[in-house]
N, C-alpha and C. Protein backbone atom coordinates (compact mmCIF):
# COMPACT_ATOMS: atom_id res chain seq x y z
N MET A 1 -10.70 26.84 -40.96
CA MET A 1 -10.93 26.79 -39.67
C MET A 1 -11.07 25.54 -39.18
N THR A 2 -11.48 24.56 -40.45
CA THR A 2 -11.26 23.28 -39.53
C THR A 2 -10.16 22.35 -39.84
N TRP A 3 -9.44 23.35 -40.93
CA TRP A 3 -7.78 22.81 -40.70
C TRP A 3 -6.76 23.63 -39.55
N LEU A 4 -7.44 24.18 -38.74
CA LEU A 4 -6.96 25.17 -37.89
C LEU A 4 -6.88 24.26 -36.70
N PHE A 5 -8.08 23.60 -36.43
CA PHE A 5 -8.50 22.81 -35.20
C PHE A 5 -7.80 21.09 -35.66
N ALA A 6 -7.80 20.68 -36.63
CA ALA A 6 -6.87 19.61 -36.91
C ALA A 6 -5.75 19.48 -37.02
N VAL A 7 -5.22 20.69 -37.08
CA VAL A 7 -3.56 20.78 -36.69
C VAL A 7 -3.23 20.99 -35.22
N LEU A 8 -3.70 21.60 -34.51
CA LEU A 8 -4.18 21.54 -33.13
C LEU A 8 -4.34 20.33 -32.45
N VAL A 9 -4.98 19.33 -32.95
CA VAL A 9 -5.36 18.06 -32.60
C VAL A 9 -4.22 17.30 -32.73
N VAL A 10 -3.39 17.32 -33.93
CA VAL A 10 -2.43 16.37 -34.20
C VAL A 10 -1.48 17.04 -33.58
N LEU A 11 -1.15 18.09 -33.47
CA LEU A 11 0.07 19.15 -32.43
C LEU A 11 -0.12 18.65 -30.74
N ALA A 12 -1.34 18.18 -30.33
CA ALA A 12 -1.73 18.01 -29.03
C ALA A 12 -1.35 16.20 -28.84
N ILE A 13 -2.07 15.67 -29.92
CA ILE A 13 -1.45 14.02 -29.74
C ILE A 13 0.18 14.25 -29.61
N GLY A 14 0.61 14.64 -30.93
CA GLY A 14 2.31 14.84 -30.55
C GLY A 14 2.88 15.19 -29.42
N GLY A 15 2.38 15.91 -28.84
CA GLY A 15 2.83 16.46 -27.73
C GLY A 15 2.66 15.29 -26.58
N ILE A 16 1.34 14.74 -26.40
CA ILE A 16 1.15 14.02 -25.62
C ILE A 16 2.17 12.70 -25.70
N ALA A 17 2.40 12.01 -26.95
CA ALA A 17 3.33 11.02 -27.45
C ALA A 17 4.78 11.40 -27.13
N VAL A 18 4.84 12.66 -27.52
CA VAL A 18 6.42 12.89 -26.69
C VAL A 18 6.67 13.12 -25.18
N VAL A 19 5.63 13.51 -24.34
CA VAL A 19 5.56 13.12 -23.10
C VAL A 19 5.64 11.63 -22.37
N ALA A 20 4.74 11.03 -23.07
CA ALA A 20 4.50 9.77 -22.45
C ALA A 20 5.53 8.65 -23.19
N ALA A 21 6.77 9.35 -23.84
CA ALA A 21 7.84 8.33 -24.59
C ALA A 21 8.92 8.76 -23.25
N GLY A 22 8.72 9.60 -22.80
CA GLY A 22 9.66 9.57 -21.45
C GLY A 22 10.94 10.97 -22.23
N ARG A 23 10.49 11.61 -23.41
CA ARG A 23 11.43 12.75 -23.83
C ARG A 23 10.85 14.06 -23.09
N GLY A 24 10.00 14.16 -22.82
CA GLY A 24 9.79 15.71 -21.78
C GLY A 24 10.76 15.56 -20.39
N GLY A 25 11.28 14.87 -19.78
CA GLY A 25 11.93 15.06 -18.73
C GLY A 25 11.48 13.67 -17.63
N SER A 26 12.25 14.26 -16.82
CA SER A 26 11.89 11.92 -16.36
C SER A 26 11.09 13.34 -15.04
N LEU A 27 10.70 11.79 -14.57
CA LEU A 27 9.45 12.00 -13.60
C LEU A 27 10.16 12.35 -12.26
N ALA A 28 9.61 12.71 -10.94
CA ALA A 28 10.45 13.13 -9.96
C ALA A 28 10.61 11.82 -8.78
N ARG A 29 11.62 11.31 -8.59
CA ARG A 29 11.94 10.12 -7.56
C ARG A 29 10.80 9.75 -7.21
N GLU A 30 10.67 8.26 -7.16
CA GLU A 30 9.58 7.68 -6.21
C GLU A 30 9.73 7.49 -5.00
N TYR A 31 8.96 7.47 -3.64
CA TYR A 31 9.39 7.41 -2.67
C TYR A 31 8.19 6.51 -2.01
N ASP A 32 8.61 5.59 -1.12
CA ASP A 32 7.94 4.89 -0.18
C ASP A 32 6.95 5.53 1.16
N ASP A 33 5.73 5.88 1.01
CA ASP A 33 5.57 6.28 1.99
C ASP A 33 4.63 5.45 2.71
N ARG A 34 4.29 4.03 2.82
CA ARG A 34 3.55 3.60 3.34
C ARG A 34 4.53 2.93 4.84
N PRO A 35 3.27 2.66 5.76
CA PRO A 35 4.32 2.49 6.77
C PRO A 35 4.56 1.01 6.63
N GLU A 36 5.78 0.98 7.88
CA GLU A 36 6.26 -0.15 7.80
C GLU A 36 5.66 -1.48 8.86
N VAL A 37 5.37 -2.49 8.34
CA VAL A 37 4.40 -3.40 8.84
C VAL A 37 5.68 -4.16 9.45
N SER A 38 6.17 -4.20 10.93
CA SER A 38 7.07 -4.91 11.35
C SER A 38 6.52 -5.85 12.58
N LEU A 39 6.99 -7.17 12.73
CA LEU A 39 6.77 -7.79 13.93
C LEU A 39 7.97 -8.25 14.64
N PRO A 40 8.00 -8.55 15.88
CA PRO A 40 9.12 -8.44 16.41
C PRO A 40 9.54 -10.07 16.19
N ASP A 41 10.95 -10.00 15.84
CA ASP A 41 11.62 -11.45 15.57
C ASP A 41 12.46 -12.19 16.74
N GLY A 42 12.80 -11.61 17.63
CA GLY A 42 13.59 -12.39 18.70
C GLY A 42 12.54 -13.17 19.50
N ARG A 43 11.61 -12.97 19.47
CA ARG A 43 10.06 -13.44 20.60
C ARG A 43 8.93 -13.86 19.64
N PRO A 44 8.06 -14.81 20.56
CA PRO A 44 6.85 -14.96 20.28
C PRO A 44 5.92 -14.07 19.70
N LEU A 45 4.81 -13.75 19.17
CA LEU A 45 3.94 -12.81 18.81
C LEU A 45 2.85 -12.94 19.82
N VAL A 46 2.76 -11.29 20.50
CA VAL A 46 1.71 -11.37 21.62
C VAL A 46 0.45 -10.34 21.03
N GLY A 47 -0.98 -10.52 21.86
CA GLY A 47 -1.49 -10.09 21.33
C GLY A 47 -1.44 -8.36 21.09
N GLU A 48 -0.84 -7.67 21.77
CA GLU A 48 -0.28 -5.86 21.87
C GLU A 48 0.23 -5.86 20.21
N ASP A 49 1.50 -6.95 19.96
CA ASP A 49 1.84 -7.10 18.40
C ASP A 49 0.91 -6.43 17.65
N LEU A 50 0.20 -7.65 17.55
CA LEU A 50 -0.91 -7.45 16.30
C LEU A 50 -2.25 -6.42 16.25
N ARG A 51 -2.07 -5.49 17.68
CA ARG A 51 -2.82 -4.37 18.15
C ARG A 51 -2.23 -3.19 17.43
N GLU A 52 -0.79 -3.55 17.21
CA GLU A 52 -0.33 -2.19 17.00
C GLU A 52 0.03 -2.28 15.35
N ILE A 53 0.01 -3.27 14.75
CA ILE A 53 -0.11 -3.41 13.33
C ILE A 53 -0.77 -2.39 12.81
N ARG A 54 -0.44 -1.36 11.51
CA ARG A 54 -1.49 -0.60 10.69
C ARG A 54 -0.76 -0.96 9.58
N PHE A 55 -1.89 -1.27 8.23
CA PHE A 55 -1.73 -1.44 6.64
C PHE A 55 -1.85 -0.25 5.96
N SER A 56 -0.90 -0.02 5.03
CA SER A 56 -1.54 0.92 4.21
C SER A 56 -3.00 0.69 3.50
N THR A 57 -3.02 1.87 3.00
CA THR A 57 -4.43 1.73 1.75
C THR A 57 -4.30 1.79 0.68
N ALA A 58 -5.20 0.96 0.06
CA ALA A 58 -5.04 0.91 -1.36
C ALA A 58 -6.40 1.13 -2.20
N VAL A 59 -6.61 1.68 -3.55
CA VAL A 59 -7.80 1.92 -4.14
C VAL A 59 -8.67 0.36 -3.92
N ARG A 60 -7.85 -0.77 -4.36
CA ARG A 60 -8.92 -1.74 -4.65
C ARG A 60 -8.55 -2.87 -3.64
N GLY A 61 -8.20 -2.55 -2.24
CA GLY A 61 -7.37 -3.36 -1.24
C GLY A 61 -8.45 -3.65 -0.43
N TYR A 62 -8.34 -4.28 1.04
CA TYR A 62 -9.22 -4.80 1.79
C TYR A 62 -9.94 -3.76 2.69
N ARG A 63 -11.08 -4.39 2.98
CA ARG A 63 -11.90 -3.21 4.40
C ARG A 63 -11.05 -2.97 5.20
N ALA A 64 -10.52 -2.00 5.89
CA ALA A 64 -10.09 -2.00 7.31
C ALA A 64 -10.68 -1.84 8.17
N SER A 65 -11.92 -2.30 8.38
CA SER A 65 -12.65 -2.14 9.57
C SER A 65 -12.70 -3.86 9.70
N GLU A 66 -12.80 -4.47 8.52
CA GLU A 66 -12.88 -6.28 8.38
C GLU A 66 -10.99 -6.85 8.67
N VAL A 67 -9.92 -6.08 8.07
CA VAL A 67 -8.85 -6.21 8.80
C VAL A 67 -8.64 -6.34 10.35
N ASP A 68 -9.08 -4.78 10.76
CA ASP A 68 -9.13 -4.76 12.16
C ASP A 68 -9.89 -5.64 13.17
N ALA A 69 -10.59 -5.78 12.75
CA ALA A 69 -11.37 -6.99 13.04
C ALA A 69 -10.63 -8.37 13.44
N LEU A 70 -10.20 -8.74 12.57
CA LEU A 70 -9.50 -10.38 12.31
C LEU A 70 -8.40 -9.91 13.71
N LEU A 71 -7.45 -9.02 13.27
CA LEU A 71 -6.34 -8.35 14.18
C LEU A 71 -6.92 -8.51 15.41
N GLU A 72 -7.75 -8.08 15.93
CA GLU A 72 -8.43 -7.75 17.17
C GLU A 72 -8.64 -9.69 17.88
N ARG A 73 -9.52 -10.42 16.50
CA ARG A 73 -9.75 -11.54 17.22
C ARG A 73 -8.32 -12.28 17.35
N LEU A 74 -7.53 -12.45 16.51
CA LEU A 74 -6.56 -13.08 16.72
C LEU A 74 -5.42 -12.92 18.02
N ALA A 75 -5.39 -11.17 18.02
CA ALA A 75 -4.72 -11.09 19.64
C ALA A 75 -5.62 -11.37 20.93
N LEU A 76 -7.00 -11.48 20.90
CA LEU A 76 -7.57 -12.12 21.94
C LEU A 76 -7.00 -13.42 22.29
N GLU A 77 -7.37 -14.29 21.05
CA GLU A 77 -6.76 -15.61 20.84
C GLU A 77 -5.32 -15.74 21.60
N LEU A 78 -4.21 -14.98 21.24
CA LEU A 78 -2.92 -15.27 21.19
C LEU A 78 -3.08 -14.49 22.94
N ASP A 79 -3.84 -13.73 23.24
CA ASP A 79 -3.61 -13.47 24.65
C ASP A 79 -4.36 -14.53 25.62
N ARG A 80 -5.32 -15.05 25.03
CA ARG A 80 -5.75 -16.02 26.35
C ARG A 80 -4.85 -17.89 25.77
N ARG A 81 -3.83 -17.67 25.23
CA ARG A 81 -3.20 -18.75 25.01
C ARG A 81 -2.01 -18.91 26.11
N PRO A 82 -1.95 -20.11 26.53
CA PRO A 82 -0.77 -19.82 27.85
C PRO A 82 0.49 -19.80 26.90
N PRO A 83 1.78 -18.99 27.78
CA PRO A 83 2.87 -19.17 27.08
C PRO A 83 3.66 -20.57 27.20
N GLY A 84 4.40 -21.10 26.41
CA GLY A 84 5.05 -22.00 26.16
C GLY A 84 5.38 -22.36 24.61
N PRO A 85 6.44 -23.12 24.71
CA PRO A 85 7.26 -23.38 23.41
C PRO A 85 6.54 -23.68 22.02
N ASP A 86 5.37 -24.55 22.39
CA ASP A 86 4.49 -24.58 20.98
C ASP A 86 3.75 -23.68 21.24
N THR A 87 3.74 -22.42 21.37
CA THR A 87 2.71 -21.04 21.00
C THR A 87 3.66 -19.93 20.22
N ALA A 88 4.96 -20.36 19.97
CA ALA A 88 5.98 -19.89 19.05
C ALA A 88 5.24 -19.51 17.85
N LEU A 89 5.38 -18.35 16.76
CA LEU A 89 4.72 -18.55 15.72
C LEU A 89 5.79 -18.66 14.81
């Protein structure tokens, strides 16, 4: 009976090794489902640009609430800044 379990364990490890080596078929094609973070190119940033940005989440990423708070503060500062040639980012 012990031999049967030993053979099953060896077969299971061998099967895992074959799949890990890529011989069991290919994986599905990877696709990027993250939102695209885009900012305007032809003009200076305004507060509304920062308010509309959404970043994708990750397991070990930043806290969304902290990023949102920083973006809101930057948006308010951009809104208070007078328009002019030196305000372009």
